[in-house]
C-alpha cells in the first residue's frame, strides 16, 4: 500500500511539474522576444491623419512584469477632452518588435460633462531597436462607469497616432 501511494504521489507531482513547465514557456518566450521593448517612452500624439501639430505629449511605460502605465500632458483637460487620471494596465508581446497594451483611466466630472467615465486606451506599437523608438496607434474609448471597460471594442473610439523615444539615463 505504501508503494502504491508513493507511485501515485510521484505521478501527480510529475504531471503538475510538466503542466507548470508548459505554462511557463509562453511567458518566457514573450519576455525574451520583447525584452528590448521594456522601458519608458516620451511620445508626441497626433489625431489620426493629422501629422502636423501634435495634440499632447505622453509617457508610456512598459514593465517587464507585463504592466503598463500612461501619463498625458492633457490630463488637466483641454478642448474636446475633460480632465482624466493616469492610466494603468498591461501589455503583451505580439512579435519581437510589436506589442499591444491596454490602459484604463477615469475622467473627472466637470460642468460640461457631469458624469465620470472610464477611459480605455488600446495601443498597437512597433519598436525600432536601432533607434529605441516606438510608433503606433492608440484608440481611446469612453465607457460609462457601470459599463465593462475590459471588453474590447466597447464604446465609441477616437484614434491617435504616436511616436516616441525611450527615456534613457545619461
Protein backbone atom coordinates (compact mmCIF):
# COMPACT_ATOMS: atom_id res chain seq x y z
CA UNK A 1 0.00 0.00 0.00
CA UNK A 2 2.87 2.38 0.72
CA UNK A 3 4.40 1.68 -2.71
CA UNK A 4 1.11 2.31 -4.42
CA UNK A 5 0.68 5.66 -2.65
CA UNK A 6 4.24 6.67 -3.46
CA UNK A 7 3.89 5.85 -7.15
CA UNK A 8 0.55 7.67 -7.35
CA UNK A 9 2.02 10.65 -5.49
CA UNK A 10 5.07 10.70 -7.78
CA UNK A 11 2.87 10.64 -10.91
CA UNK A 12 0.75 13.54 -9.61
CA UNK A 13 3.86 15.59 -8.82
CA UNK A 14 5.35 14.78 -12.24
CA UNK A 15 2.13 15.74 -14.05
CA UNK A 16 1.87 19.02 -12.11
CA UNK A 17 5.51 19.80 -12.91
CA UNK A 18 5.01 19.17 -16.63
CA UNK A 19 1.91 21.38 -16.68
CA UNK A 20 3.85 24.11 -14.87
CA UNK A 21 6.74 23.92 -17.33
CA UNK A 22 4.36 24.06 -20.30
CA UNK A 23 2.58 27.09 -18.86
CA UNK A 24 5.83 28.94 -18.20
CA UNK A 25 7.20 28.57 -21.73
CA UNK A 26 4.97 31.17 -23.48
CA UNK A 27 5.64 33.73 -20.76
CA UNK A 28 9.40 33.20 -21.01
CA UNK A 29 9.24 33.37 -24.80
CA UNK A 30 7.28 36.63 -24.70
CA UNK A 31 9.63 38.15 -22.15
CA UNK A 32 12.64 37.17 -24.27
CA UNK A 33 11.16 38.34 -27.57
CA UNK A 34 10.18 41.79 -26.29
CA UNK A 35 12.89 42.28 -23.70
CA UNK A 36 14.26 45.35 -25.54
CA UNK A 37 10.82 46.97 -25.63
CA UNK A 38 10.65 47.29 -21.83
CA UNK A 39 11.12 50.90 -20.77
CA UNK A 40 9.53 54.35 -20.64
CA UNK A 41 8.88 56.38 -23.80
CA UNK A 42 8.21 60.09 -24.27
CA UNK A 43 5.72 60.41 -27.13
CA UNK A 44 4.12 63.02 -29.34
CA UNK A 45 0.48 62.24 -30.05
CA UNK A 46 -1.44 63.31 -33.16
CA UNK A 47 -5.11 62.99 -34.09
CA UNK A 48 -5.25 60.19 -36.69
CA UNK A 49 -4.45 61.60 -40.13
CA UNK A 50 -3.15 64.92 -38.78
CA UNK A 51 0.64 64.67 -38.56
CA UNK A 52 1.22 68.46 -38.36
CA UNK A 53 0.61 69.77 -34.86
CA UNK A 54 0.65 67.25 -32.05
CA UNK A 55 -2.25 67.20 -29.59
CA UNK A 56 -0.30 66.15 -26.48
CA UNK A 57 2.84 64.56 -25.07
CA UNK A 58 2.75 61.33 -23.07
CA UNK A 59 4.85 58.96 -21.05
CA UNK A 60 4.17 55.30 -21.80
CA UNK A 61 5.91 52.77 -19.55
CA UNK A 62 6.09 49.06 -20.39
CA UNK A 63 7.35 46.96 -17.48
CA UNK A 64 8.99 43.53 -17.64
CA UNK A 65 6.17 42.21 -15.44
CA UNK A 66 3.61 42.94 -18.17
CA UNK A 67 2.23 46.06 -16.51
CA UNK A 68 1.80 49.31 -18.45
CA UNK A 69 1.26 52.91 -17.38
CA UNK A 70 0.28 56.03 -19.27
CA UNK A 71 0.52 59.72 -18.30
CA UNK A 72 -0.53 62.51 -20.66
CA UNK A 73 0.03 66.28 -20.77
CA UNK A 74 -3.68 66.77 -21.46
CA UNK A 75 -4.82 65.22 -18.17
CA UNK A 76 -5.99 68.59 -16.86
CA UNK A 77 -8.47 68.83 -19.70
CA UNK A 78 -8.35 70.70 -22.98
CA UNK A 79 -10.69 71.47 -25.87
CA UNK A 80 -12.71 68.34 -26.57
CA UNK A 81 -11.42 66.48 -23.50
CA UNK A 82 -12.33 66.66 -19.83
CA UNK A 83 -9.76 66.05 -17.11
CA UNK A 84 -8.67 62.44 -16.56
CA UNK A 85 -6.34 60.41 -14.35
CA UNK A 86 -3.17 58.49 -15.17
CA UNK A 87 -3.77 55.17 -16.89
CA UNK A 88 -2.74 51.73 -15.64
CA UNK A 89 -2.98 48.40 -17.41
CA UNK A 90 -0.99 45.66 -19.08
CA UNK A 91 0.79 44.80 -22.30
CA UNK A 92 1.81 41.74 -24.27
CA UNK A 93 4.35 40.95 -26.91
CA UNK A 94 2.91 40.13 -30.33
CA UNK A 95 6.23 39.75 -32.16
CA UNK A 96 9.82 40.65 -31.29
CA UNK A 97 9.19 44.26 -32.34
CA UNK A 98 5.42 44.63 -31.80
CA UNK A 99 3.25 44.94 -28.72
CA UNK A 100 -0.35 45.56 -27.69
CA UNK A 101 -1.16 47.44 -24.48
CA UNK A 102 -4.39 48.40 -22.73
CA UNK A 103 -4.61 51.10 -20.05
CA UNK A 104 -7.62 52.31 -18.10
CA UNK A 105 -8.16 55.73 -16.53
CA UNK A 106 -11.04 57.76 -15.12
CA UNK A 107 -12.48 61.06 -16.29
CA UNK A 108 -13.22 63.75 -13.73
CA UNK A 109 -16.71 65.27 -13.79
CA UNK A 110 -16.98 68.88 -14.98
CA UNK A 111 -19.87 71.30 -15.59
CA UNK A 112 -19.84 70.31 -19.30
CA UNK A 113 -19.55 66.57 -18.59
CA UNK A 114 -21.03 65.94 -15.12
CA UNK A 115 -20.74 62.12 -15.28
CA UNK A 116 -17.40 60.41 -14.75
CA UNK A 117 -16.43 57.75 -17.29
CA UNK A 118 -13.76 55.11 -17.69
CA UNK A 119 -11.24 55.74 -20.44
CA UNK A 120 -9.78 52.72 -22.22
CA UNK A 121 -6.73 53.19 -24.44
CA UNK A 122 -5.72 50.36 -26.76
CA UNK A 123 -2.15 50.79 -28.03
CA UNK A 124 -0.69 48.96 -31.03
CA UNK A 125 3.03 49.66 -31.02
CA UNK A 126 6.00 48.86 -33.25
CA UNK A 127 9.52 49.08 -31.82
CA UNK A 128 12.71 50.05 -33.67
CA UNK A 129 15.64 48.59 -31.71
CA UNK A 130 18.25 50.62 -33.62
CA UNK A 131 16.74 53.97 -32.68
CA UNK A 132 14.98 52.84 -29.46
CA UNK A 133 11.73 54.38 -30.67
CA UNK A 134 8.11 53.34 -30.83
CA UNK A 135 5.42 54.24 -33.36
CA UNK A 136 1.82 53.21 -33.43
CA UNK A 137 -1.79 53.99 -32.79
CA UNK A 138 -3.90 54.45 -29.69
CA UNK A 139 -7.67 54.11 -29.71
CA UNK A 140 -9.49 55.92 -26.91
CA UNK A 141 -12.90 54.69 -25.84
CA UNK A 142 -15.01 56.27 -23.10
CA UNK A 143 -17.24 53.85 -21.22
CA UNK A 144 -19.87 54.68 -18.57
CA UNK A 145 -18.78 53.81 -15.02
CA UNK A 146 -21.34 50.98 -14.99
CA UNK A 147 -20.03 49.56 -18.30
CA UNK A 148 -17.37 46.93 -18.90
CA UNK A 149 -14.05 48.57 -19.91
CA UNK A 150 -12.36 45.15 -20.10
CA UNK A 151 -14.45 44.22 -23.13
CA UNK A 152 -12.54 45.05 -26.36
CA UNK A 153 -14.35 47.45 -28.68
CA UNK A 154 -16.80 48.68 -26.03
CA UNK A 155 -17.74 52.34 -26.50
CA UNK A 156 -17.09 54.82 -29.31
CA UNK A 157 -13.43 55.15 -30.33
CA UNK A 158 -11.18 58.03 -31.30
CA UNK A 159 -7.80 57.19 -32.85
CA UNK A 160 -4.44 58.83 -32.34
CA UNK A 161 -1.04 58.23 -33.91
CA UNK A 162 2.01 58.40 -31.69
CA UNK A 163 5.76 58.38 -31.99
CA UNK A 164 8.14 58.21 -29.06
CA UNK A 165 11.73 57.93 -27.90
CA UNK A 166 12.89 55.77 -24.99
CA UNK A 167 13.84 57.75 -21.88
CA UNK A 168 17.44 56.78 -21.05
CA UNK A 169 19.61 57.74 -18.09
CA UNK A 170 22.74 59.63 -19.08
